[in-house]
Amino acid sequence: MKKNLLALVLFLTMAFGVFLYYKEGTLPVNNKNKTTKIFVIQRGETVTEIAKNLEKEELIRNKIVFYLVVKQLGIESKIQAGDYRLSPVMNVYEIAKTLTKGTLDIWITIVEGLRKEEIAQIFSRELNIPESEFLKYAQEGYLFPDTYLIPREASIGAVISILTKNFNKKYSQDLRNKAIGKGLTEKEVITLASLIEREAKFAEDRPKVAGVLLNRLELEMKLDIDATVQYVLGYQSEEKTWWKKSLTFEDLGVDSLYNTYKNKDLPPGPIANPGLAAIEAILTPTQTDYLYYLSDKDGKMHYAETFEGHNENIRKYLR
């Protein structure tokens, strides 16, 4: 009997200890401190990582208790990436539920190779910014492709500033120095990179295509790039795209300085917004004697040094 009683007392003591541990862990860190701070959940973060960061930011008392509360409430899958305004005066239940109610900002992804009109459509859809207003301030080529956390109430100017600041950060001084070493201006680098972004589907092709373009420019050959014509033609209402899928001979004759089938020089400016890999490809191209390339139906590139070799590739892969 005494052993059973002792075991019961030990069990109750442990249970009470666990209860106190759990109860204490759910309390506010400081119920007198009503100041708030921004807490950011990155995409892909687990509940364990979130709990660790909350404890580090002194917004919860105990990361284990936070994890258990999330499991208890069944809200693990409802916690959203983004930023939240939290306070030490909030208890763990309030914090956990807040993380499921939408964020102060919104995640927006800009993929490589979009033209500014396509990016304007994204911000119109996500932030209700008028496309026409966005286009007044957007500069083609400098709306850097990336995933951004944008304030929901951000102005057009603020959005443009966020994208261009990221461009200036990613287009580092080291890359700028490489451009100077190659005798290229920033505008020429971004223009060439925008061509590569539209032409090369796979990463391994970007430096090779860059080499071809630079070889042709050095020999004062026309670049003959379909994407420049697509850029001039603009929105295709039937296809519902800004990039016409099949170009006709009439299309290739369109009168524009952007048409590289008619003009030997680079287009007057970028035709899209390139990512870092395309920019780096221009500054570190693959050195070859290739002057021609084509993309087959699967997007794979085939290269040639001569016009005869190029025609042979056309026969093999496009006909």
Protein backbone atom coordinates (compact mmCIF):
# COMPACT_ATOMS: atom_id res chain seq x y z
CA MET A 1 0.00 0.00 0.00
CA LYS A 2 2.75 2.42 0.96
CA LYS A 3 4.51 1.72 -2.35
CA ASN A 4 1.32 2.30 -4.31
CA LEU A 5 0.64 5.49 -2.40
CA LEU A 6 4.18 6.69 -3.01
CA ALA A 7 3.85 5.93 -6.73
CA LEU A 8 0.58 7.83 -6.85
CA VAL A 9 2.11 10.83 -5.10
CA LEU A 10 5.06 10.79 -7.51
CA PHE A 11 2.73 10.53 -10.51
CA LEU A 12 0.55 13.40 -9.28
CA THR A 13 3.61 15.49 -8.52
CA MET A 14 4.99 14.88 -12.02
CA ALA A 15 1.61 15.55 -13.61
CA PHE A 16 1.30 18.77 -11.66
CA GLY A 17 4.81 19.72 -12.72
CA VAL A 18 3.99 19.10 -16.36
CA PHE A 19 0.78 21.11 -15.98
CA LEU A 20 2.70 24.03 -14.46
CA TYR A 21 5.36 23.78 -17.19
CA TYR A 22 2.69 23.85 -19.88
CA LYS A 23 0.63 26.55 -18.19
CA GLU A 24 3.65 28.78 -17.62
CA GLY A 25 4.69 28.32 -21.25
CA THR A 26 1.34 29.62 -22.53
CA LEU A 27 1.53 32.89 -20.60
CA PRO A 28 2.62 36.21 -22.13
CA VAL A 29 6.33 36.96 -21.98
CA ASN A 30 5.53 40.33 -20.44
CA ASN A 31 1.91 41.28 -19.72
CA LYS A 32 2.89 44.91 -19.17
CA ASN A 33 4.82 45.43 -22.41
CA LYS A 34 2.30 46.43 -25.09
CA THR A 35 4.89 47.42 -27.71
CA THR A 36 4.75 45.51 -30.97
CA LYS A 37 7.37 44.18 -33.32
CA ILE A 38 7.27 42.74 -36.82
CA PHE A 39 7.79 38.99 -36.93
CA VAL A 40 8.49 37.41 -40.33
CA ILE A 41 7.79 33.81 -41.32
CA GLN A 42 9.79 32.82 -44.37
CA ARG A 43 8.32 30.54 -47.00
CA GLY A 44 8.92 26.89 -46.21
CA GLU A 45 9.64 27.38 -42.51
CA THR A 46 8.41 24.56 -40.27
CA VAL A 47 6.48 25.02 -37.03
CA THR A 48 9.63 23.99 -35.15
CA GLU A 49 11.64 26.74 -36.87
CA ILE A 50 8.87 29.29 -36.26
CA ALA A 51 8.72 28.35 -32.58
CA LYS A 52 12.48 28.71 -32.25
CA ASN A 53 12.40 32.16 -33.85
CA LEU A 54 9.48 33.31 -31.69
CA GLU A 55 11.39 32.31 -28.57
CA LYS A 56 14.53 34.03 -29.85
CA GLU A 57 12.54 37.23 -30.45
CA GLU A 58 11.16 36.93 -26.88
CA LEU A 59 7.57 36.71 -28.09
CA ILE A 60 6.88 33.35 -26.42
CA ARG A 61 8.19 31.77 -23.25
CA ASN A 62 8.69 28.23 -24.49
CA LYS A 63 9.10 26.90 -28.02
CA ILE A 64 8.02 23.38 -27.03
CA VAL A 65 4.77 24.65 -25.54
CA PHE A 66 4.11 26.74 -28.67
CA TYR A 67 4.59 23.63 -30.81
CA LEU A 68 2.19 21.64 -28.61
CA VAL A 69 -0.42 24.43 -28.72
CA VAL A 70 -0.28 24.53 -32.53
CA LYS A 71 -0.79 20.76 -32.63
CA GLN A 72 -3.59 20.98 -30.05
CA LEU A 73 -5.42 23.65 -32.10
CA GLY A 74 -4.86 21.74 -35.34
CA ILE A 75 -3.62 24.85 -37.16
CA GLU A 76 -0.20 23.72 -38.36
CA SER A 77 -1.23 23.81 -42.02
CA LYS A 78 -2.98 27.16 -41.62
CA ILE A 79 0.07 29.17 -40.51
CA GLN A 80 1.02 31.49 -43.36
CA ALA A 81 4.36 32.84 -44.52
CA GLY A 82 4.59 36.60 -44.23
CA ASP A 83 5.02 39.25 -41.58
CA TYR A 84 2.95 39.86 -38.47
CA ARG A 85 2.73 42.51 -35.79
CA LEU A 86 3.12 40.70 -32.45
CA SER A 87 3.55 41.81 -28.85
CA PRO A 88 5.04 40.28 -25.66
CA VAL A 89 1.67 40.95 -24.01
CA MET A 90 0.04 38.27 -26.19
CA ASN A 91 -0.28 34.74 -24.84
CA VAL A 92 0.77 31.76 -26.90
CA TYR A 93 -2.78 30.97 -28.06
CA GLU A 94 -3.25 34.52 -29.35
CA ILE A 95 0.08 34.42 -31.16
CA ALA A 96 -0.60 31.01 -32.72
CA LYS A 97 -4.02 32.09 -34.01
CA THR A 98 -2.67 35.41 -35.29
CA LEU A 99 -0.24 33.54 -37.52
CA THR A 100 -3.22 32.04 -39.40
CA LYS A 101 -5.14 35.27 -40.06
CA GLY A 102 -3.26 36.78 -42.96
CA THR A 103 -0.16 38.91 -43.03
CA LEU A 104 0.60 42.60 -43.13
CA ASP A 105 2.39 42.08 -46.44
CA ILE A 106 1.88 39.81 -49.42
CA TRP A 107 4.34 37.51 -51.18
CA ILE A 108 4.67 38.30 -54.88
CA THR A 109 6.90 36.39 -57.30
CA ILE A 110 8.24 37.91 -60.50
CA VAL A 111 9.74 35.25 -62.77
CA GLU A 112 12.58 35.89 -65.18
CA GLY A 113 11.86 37.14 -68.68
CA LEU A 114 8.60 39.01 -68.16
CA ARG A 115 8.12 42.38 -69.83
CA LYS A 116 6.96 45.30 -67.75
CA GLU A 117 3.35 44.98 -68.95
CA GLU A 118 3.18 41.43 -67.60
CA ILE A 119 4.61 42.58 -64.27
CA ALA A 120 2.06 45.40 -64.20
CA GLN A 121 -0.68 42.77 -64.56
CA ILE A 122 0.68 40.87 -61.55
CA PHE A 123 0.68 43.93 -59.30
CA SER A 124 -2.74 44.95 -60.55
CA ARG A 125 -4.08 41.52 -59.61
CA GLU A 126 -2.30 41.21 -56.25
CA LEU A 127 -2.29 44.81 -54.98
CA ASN A 128 -5.00 46.43 -57.09
CA ILE A 129 -2.48 48.85 -58.60
CA PRO A 130 -3.73 50.20 -61.97
CA GLU A 131 -1.60 48.80 -64.79
CA SER A 132 -1.47 52.13 -66.60
CA GLU A 133 -0.15 53.88 -63.49
CA PHE A 134 2.47 51.19 -62.86
CA LEU A 135 3.71 51.49 -66.45
CA LYS A 136 4.24 55.24 -66.07
CA TYR A 137 7.07 54.56 -63.64
CA ALA A 138 8.32 51.07 -64.54
CA GLN A 139 11.61 50.86 -66.41
CA GLU A 140 12.02 47.81 -68.64
CA GLY A 141 14.91 45.60 -67.61
CA TYR A 142 15.26 46.91 -64.06
CA LEU A 143 12.24 45.25 -62.40
CA PHE A 144 14.37 42.50 -60.93
CA PRO A 145 12.81 39.01 -60.95
CA ASP A 146 12.55 37.63 -57.41
CA THR A 147 10.08 36.78 -54.65
CA TYR A 148 9.13 39.87 -52.67
CA LEU A 149 7.26 40.59 -49.47
CA ILE A 150 5.31 43.72 -50.43
CA PRO A 151 3.18 45.81 -48.04
CA ARG A 152 -0.48 45.44 -48.99
CA GLU A 153 -0.93 49.22 -48.96
CA ALA A 154 2.30 49.96 -50.87
CA SER A 155 2.17 52.82 -53.35
CA ILE A 156 3.29 52.45 -56.96
CA GLY A 157 6.44 54.37 -56.15
CA ALA A 158 7.21 52.08 -53.21
CA VAL A 159 6.76 48.94 -55.32
CA ILE A 160 9.00 50.24 -58.11
CA SER A 161 11.57 51.27 -55.51
CA ILE A 162 11.61 47.80 -53.93
CA LEU A 163 12.20 46.11 -57.29
CA THR A 164 14.86 48.54 -58.53
CA LYS A 165 16.72 48.53 -55.20
CA ASN A 166 16.92 44.76 -55.46
CA PHE A 167 18.29 45.15 -58.99
CA ASN A 168 21.00 47.51 -57.75
CA LYS A 169 21.86 45.05 -54.99
CA LYS A 170 22.03 41.98 -57.23
CA TYR A 171 23.85 43.78 -60.06
CA SER A 172 26.85 44.06 -57.78
CA GLN A 173 29.96 46.18 -58.10
CA ASP A 174 31.86 43.07 -59.11
CA LEU A 175 29.49 42.54 -62.05
CA ARG A 176 29.68 46.23 -62.93
CA ASN A 177 33.47 45.98 -63.00
CA LYS A 178 33.29 42.96 -65.31
CA ALA A 179 31.04 44.94 -67.64
CA ILE A 180 33.51 47.80 -67.71
CA GLY A 181 36.29 45.32 -68.47
CA LYS A 182 34.33 44.08 -71.48
CA GLY A 183 33.57 47.59 -72.67
CA LEU A 184 29.85 47.21 -72.03
CA THR A 185 27.58 49.81 -70.50
CA GLU A 186 24.98 48.83 -67.91
CA LYS A 187 22.23 49.35 -70.48
CA GLU A 188 23.99 47.11 -73.00
CA VAL A 189 24.45 44.37 -70.38
CA ILE A 190 20.79 44.42 -69.33
CA THR A 191 19.60 44.60 -72.94
CA LEU A 192 21.72 41.59 -73.92
CA ALA A 193 20.66 39.73 -70.78
CA SER A 194 17.00 40.33 -71.64
CA LEU A 195 17.58 38.75 -75.06
CA ILE A 196 19.22 35.71 -73.46
CA GLU A 197 16.38 35.41 -70.95
CA ARG A 198 13.85 35.13 -73.77
CA GLU A 199 15.99 32.92 -76.02
CA ALA A 200 17.63 30.33 -73.72
CA LYS A 201 15.28 27.98 -71.91
CA PHE A 202 17.93 26.04 -70.00
CA ALA A 203 20.69 27.30 -67.71
CA GLU A 204 23.48 25.54 -69.60
CA ASP A 205 22.54 27.37 -72.81
CA ARG A 206 22.73 30.92 -71.45
CA PRO A 207 26.54 31.34 -71.60
CA LYS A 208 26.63 29.73 -75.06
CA VAL A 209 23.88 31.97 -76.42
CA ALA A 210 25.69 34.95 -74.86
CA GLY A 211 28.82 33.93 -76.74
CA VAL A 212 26.90 33.73 -80.03
CA LEU A 213 25.35 37.18 -79.57
CA LEU A 214 28.69 38.77 -78.70
CA ASN A 215 30.37 37.05 -81.68
CA ARG A 216 27.70 38.39 -84.06
CA LEU A 217 27.94 41.90 -82.65
CA GLU A 218 31.71 41.86 -83.05
CA LEU A 219 31.31 40.90 -86.71
CA GLU A 220 28.53 43.49 -87.17
CA MET A 221 26.01 40.80 -88.04
CA LYS A 222 22.31 41.19 -87.37
CA LEU A 223 21.23 39.29 -84.24
CA ASP A 224 18.04 37.90 -85.88
CA ILE A 225 16.23 37.29 -82.60
CA ASP A 226 12.54 36.39 -82.69
CA ALA A 227 11.92 37.78 -79.21
CA THR A 228 12.74 41.32 -80.36
CA VAL A 229 10.00 41.08 -82.99
CA GLN A 230 7.59 39.63 -80.44
CA TYR A 231 8.37 42.60 -78.21
CA VAL A 232 7.47 45.04 -80.99
CA LEU A 233 4.26 43.23 -81.90
CA GLY A 234 3.03 43.43 -78.32
CA TYR A 235 -0.10 41.86 -76.89
CA GLN A 236 -1.81 39.16 -78.96
CA SER A 237 -5.50 39.21 -78.08
CA GLU A 238 -6.30 35.89 -79.76
CA GLU A 239 -3.46 34.07 -78.02
CA LYS A 240 -3.83 36.15 -74.84
CA THR A 241 -0.09 36.60 -74.55
CA TRP A 242 2.49 39.37 -74.91
CA TRP A 243 4.77 37.02 -76.89
CA LYS A 244 3.36 35.88 -80.23
CA LYS A 245 3.99 32.16 -80.65
CA SER A 246 4.53 31.83 -84.42
CA LEU A 247 6.03 34.69 -86.39
CA THR A 248 5.31 35.24 -90.08
CA PHE A 249 7.65 36.68 -92.73
CA GLU A 250 5.52 39.81 -92.55
CA ASP A 251 6.15 40.00 -88.80
CA LEU A 252 9.90 39.76 -89.33
CA GLY A 253 9.73 42.85 -91.52
CA VAL A 254 8.05 45.07 -88.93
CA ASP A 255 9.56 48.55 -88.92
CA SER A 256 11.17 49.14 -85.54
CA LEU A 257 14.61 49.75 -84.07
CA TYR A 258 13.86 46.79 -81.82
CA ASN A 259 13.61 44.46 -84.83
CA THR A 260 16.98 42.69 -84.92
CA TYR A 261 16.10 41.12 -88.28
CA LYS A 262 16.31 44.60 -89.84
CA ASN A 263 18.91 46.34 -87.67
CA LYS A 264 22.49 45.29 -86.94
CA ASP A 265 22.73 47.09 -83.63
CA LEU A 266 21.35 46.13 -80.25
CA PRO A 267 17.74 47.14 -79.59
CA PRO A 268 17.39 50.60 -78.00
CA GLY A 269 16.82 48.95 -74.62
CA PRO A 270 15.85 45.73 -72.82
CA ILE A 271 12.86 43.74 -74.10
CA ALA A 272 12.19 42.03 -70.75
CA ASN A 273 13.43 41.84 -67.18
CA PRO A 274 16.34 39.42 -66.89
CA GLY A 275 17.46 37.50 -63.83
CA LEU A 276 20.94 37.26 -62.38
CA ALA A 277 21.92 34.14 -64.33
CA ALA A 278 21.26 35.85 -67.67
CA ILE A 279 23.25 38.91 -66.58
CA GLU A 280 26.15 36.72 -65.47
CA ALA A 281 26.02 34.83 -68.78
CA ILE A 282 26.72 38.02 -70.71
CA LEU A 283 29.66 38.85 -68.46
CA THR A 284 31.09 35.31 -68.48
CA PRO A 285 30.08 33.90 -71.89
CA THR A 286 31.27 30.59 -73.30
CA GLN A 287 34.02 31.28 -75.83
CA THR A 288 33.23 29.50 -79.10
CA ASP A 289 33.20 30.19 -82.83
CA TYR A 290 29.45 29.67 -83.00
CA LEU A 291 27.52 32.29 -84.94
CA TYR A 292 24.14 30.55 -85.09
CA TYR A 293 21.76 28.70 -82.82
CA LEU A 294 18.23 27.41 -82.91
CA SER A 295 15.84 25.96 -80.38
CA ASP A 296 14.05 22.71 -81.16
CA LYS A 297 10.49 21.87 -80.10
CA ASP A 298 11.74 20.81 -76.65
CA GLY A 299 13.69 24.02 -76.11
CA LYS A 300 17.08 22.36 -76.61
CA MET A 301 19.64 24.54 -78.37
CA HIS A 302 21.68 23.47 -81.40
CA TYR A 303 24.67 25.55 -82.51
CA ALA A 304 26.60 26.08 -85.73
CA GLU A 305 29.65 28.02 -86.88
CA THR A 306 28.44 28.51 -90.45
CA PHE A 307 25.21 29.34 -92.23
CA GLU A 308 25.38 25.96 -93.94
CA GLY A 309 25.63 24.23 -90.58
CA HIS A 310 22.72 26.29 -89.31
CA ASN A 311 20.58 25.23 -92.27
CA GLU A 312 21.49 21.62 -91.57
CA ASN A 313 20.28 22.06 -87.97
CA ILE A 314 17.04 23.55 -89.28
CA ARG A 315 16.58 20.50 -91.52
CA LYS A 316 17.32 18.11 -88.63
CA TYR A 317 15.41 19.70 -85.78
CA LEU A 318 12.68 21.95 -87.19
CA ARG A 319 11.43 20.22 -90.30
